[in-house]
Amino acid sequence: VKVRVVGAFANLYENGSIPLPAHRDQYKKWIIGLSFGGTRTLEFVPDDPHAAMVPFLMESGDVFIFAPDVNNRYMHRMQEEPD
């Protein structure tokens, strides 16, 4: 797989009680994420109120990738998981 990285950033959450509010990334590119540390649930929230939310359990070392079209149709978030 060939990729050209045009930017990078990191979010640090001290513990599971810190949420990441639902949002869309503004890059208009493919998004690649890496998870390190505690297990959290990444949720994709659809624009269509009748469609189901799509959760993914992210454990340390997991990678996710999604296309601009996914970013256009879904917001993504992580809710509090204090345990």
C-alpha atoms as a PDB file:
ATOM      1  CA  VAL A   1       0.000   0.000   0.000  1.00  0.00           C
ATOM      2  CA  LYS A   2       1.370   3.387  -0.962  1.00  0.00           C
ATOM      3  CA  VAL A   3       0.240   6.420   0.983  1.00  0.00           C
ATOM      4  CA  ARG A   4       1.319  10.013   1.062  1.00  0.00           C
ATOM      5  CA  VAL A   5       0.946  11.444   4.544  1.00  0.00           C
ATOM      6  CA  VAL A   6       0.011  15.114   4.447  1.00  0.00           C
ATOM      7  CA  GLY A   7      -0.348  15.672   8.170  1.00  0.00           C
ATOM      8  CA  ALA A   8      -0.489  14.042  11.557  1.00  0.00           C
ATOM      9  CA  PHE A   9      -1.832  14.858  14.988  1.00  0.00           C
ATOM     10  CA  ALA A  10      -2.304  13.064  18.290  1.00  0.00           C
ATOM     11  CA  ASN A  11      -4.981  13.131  20.977  1.00  0.00           C
ATOM     12  CA  LEU A  12      -4.039  12.086  24.504  1.00  0.00           C
ATOM     13  CA  TYR A  13      -6.807  11.071  26.879  1.00  0.00           C
ATOM     14  CA  GLU A  14      -5.679  10.669  30.480  1.00  0.00           C
ATOM     15  CA  ASN A  15      -8.415   8.115  31.154  1.00  0.00           C
ATOM     16  CA  GLY A  16     -11.691   6.720  29.826  1.00  0.00           C
ATOM     17  CA  SER A  17     -13.802   9.441  31.425  1.00  0.00           C
ATOM     18  CA  ILE A  18     -12.666  11.942  28.761  1.00  0.00           C
ATOM     19  CA  PRO A  19     -14.939  11.839  25.677  1.00  0.00           C
ATOM     20  CA  LEU A  20     -14.250  12.858  22.089  1.00  0.00           C
ATOM     21  CA  PRO A  21     -17.420  14.680  20.938  1.00  0.00           C
ATOM     22  CA  ALA A  22     -19.083  13.694  17.658  1.00  0.00           C
ATOM     23  CA  HIS A  23     -17.416  15.519  14.766  1.00  0.00           C
ATOM     24  CA  ARG A  24     -16.256  15.339  11.165  1.00  0.00           C
ATOM     25  CA  ASP A  25     -12.651  15.797  10.165  1.00  0.00           C
ATOM     26  CA  GLN A  26     -12.051  18.655   7.729  1.00  0.00           C
ATOM     27  CA  TYR A  27      -9.208  17.136   5.723  1.00  0.00           C
ATOM     28  CA  LYS A  28     -11.238  15.833   2.747  1.00  0.00           C
ATOM     29  CA  LYS A  29      -8.732  12.958   2.583  1.00  0.00           C
ATOM     30  CA  TRP A  30      -8.577   9.384   3.823  1.00  0.00           C
ATOM     31  CA  ILE A  31      -8.311   9.226   7.620  1.00  0.00           C
ATOM     32  CA  ILE A  32      -6.030   6.707   9.327  1.00  0.00           C
ATOM     33  CA  GLY A  33      -6.098   6.306  13.086  1.00  0.00           C
ATOM     34  CA  LEU A  34      -3.992   4.331  15.529  1.00  0.00           C
ATOM     35  CA  SER A  35      -5.073   3.388  19.037  1.00  0.00           C
ATOM     36  CA  PHE A  36      -2.606   3.086  21.915  1.00  0.00           C
ATOM     37  CA  GLY A  37      -3.415   2.426  25.558  1.00  0.00           C
ATOM     38  CA  GLY A  38      -6.794   1.490  26.989  1.00  0.00           C
ATOM     39  CA  THR A  39      -9.656   0.009  25.012  1.00  0.00           C
ATOM     40  CA  ARG A  40     -12.236   2.545  23.767  1.00  0.00           C
ATOM     41  CA  THR A  41     -15.253   2.358  21.458  1.00  0.00           C
ATOM     42  CA  LEU A  42     -15.085   4.442  18.277  1.00  0.00           C
ATOM     43  CA  GLU A  43     -18.644   5.196  17.154  1.00  0.00           C
ATOM     44  CA  PHE A  44     -19.750   6.340  13.704  1.00  0.00           C
ATOM     45  CA  VAL A  45     -22.980   8.369  13.965  1.00  0.00           C
ATOM     46  CA  PRO A  46     -24.940   8.487  10.670  1.00  0.00           C
ATOM     47  CA  ASP A  47     -26.613  11.602   9.293  1.00  0.00           C
ATOM     48  CA  ASP A  48     -29.722   9.523   8.558  1.00  0.00           C
ATOM     49  CA  PRO A  49     -31.703   9.410  11.842  1.00  0.00           C
ATOM     50  CA  HIS A  50     -33.158   6.000  10.844  1.00  0.00           C
ATOM     51  CA  ALA A  51     -29.759   4.401  10.258  1.00  0.00           C
ATOM     52  CA  ALA A  52     -27.913   2.572  13.002  1.00  0.00           C
ATOM     53  CA  MET A  53     -24.824   3.881  14.735  1.00  0.00           C
ATOM     54  CA  VAL A  54     -21.729   1.786  13.922  1.00  0.00           C
ATOM     55  CA  PRO A  55     -19.443   1.025  16.903  1.00  0.00           C
ATOM     56  CA  PHE A  56     -15.899  -0.381  16.715  1.00  0.00           C
ATOM     57  CA  LEU A  57     -14.008  -1.586  19.771  1.00  0.00           C
ATOM     58  CA  MET A  58     -10.497  -0.118  19.509  1.00  0.00           C
ATOM     59  CA  GLU A  59      -7.820  -1.898  21.513  1.00  0.00           C
ATOM     60  CA  SER A  60      -4.210  -0.834  21.885  1.00  0.00           C
ATOM     61  CA  GLY A  61      -2.410  -1.335  18.584  1.00  0.00           C
ATOM     62  CA  ASP A  62      -5.564  -1.295  16.437  1.00  0.00           C
ATOM     63  CA  VAL A  63      -5.687   0.742  13.232  1.00  0.00           C
ATOM     64  CA  PHE A  64      -8.719   2.210  11.484  1.00  0.00           C
ATOM     65  CA  ILE A  65      -9.038   3.862   8.100  1.00  0.00           C
ATOM     66  CA  PHE A  66     -11.980   5.535   6.432  1.00  0.00           C
ATOM     67  CA  ALA A  67     -12.600   7.306   3.157  1.00  0.00           C
ATOM     68  CA  PRO A  68     -13.787  10.896   2.668  1.00  0.00           C
ATOM     69  CA  ASP A  69     -17.252   9.547   1.776  1.00  0.00           C
ATOM     70  CA  VAL A  70     -17.562   7.944   5.227  1.00  0.00           C
ATOM     71  CA  ASN A  71     -16.531  11.255   6.802  1.00  0.00           C
ATOM     72  CA  ASN A  72     -19.233  12.994   4.734  1.00  0.00           C
ATOM     73  CA  ARG A  73     -22.024  10.614   5.849  1.00  0.00           C
ATOM     74  CA  TYR A  74     -21.031   9.968   9.466  1.00  0.00           C
ATOM     75  CA  MET A  75     -19.676  11.889  12.399  1.00  0.00           C
ATOM     76  CA  HIS A  76     -17.398   9.931  14.718  1.00  0.00           C
ATOM     77  CA  ARG A  77     -16.920  10.057  18.485  1.00  0.00           C
ATOM     78  CA  MET A  78     -15.813   8.282  21.628  1.00  0.00           C
ATOM     79  CA  GLN A  79     -18.104   8.445  24.642  1.00  0.00           C
ATOM     80  CA  GLU A  80     -17.001   8.181  28.265  1.00  0.00           C
ATOM     81  CA  GLU A  81     -15.848   4.699  29.297  1.00  0.00           C
ATOM     82  CA  PRO A  82     -14.537   5.179  32.829  1.00  0.00           C
ATOM     83  CA  ASP A  83     -14.139   1.441  33.465  1.00  0.00           C
END
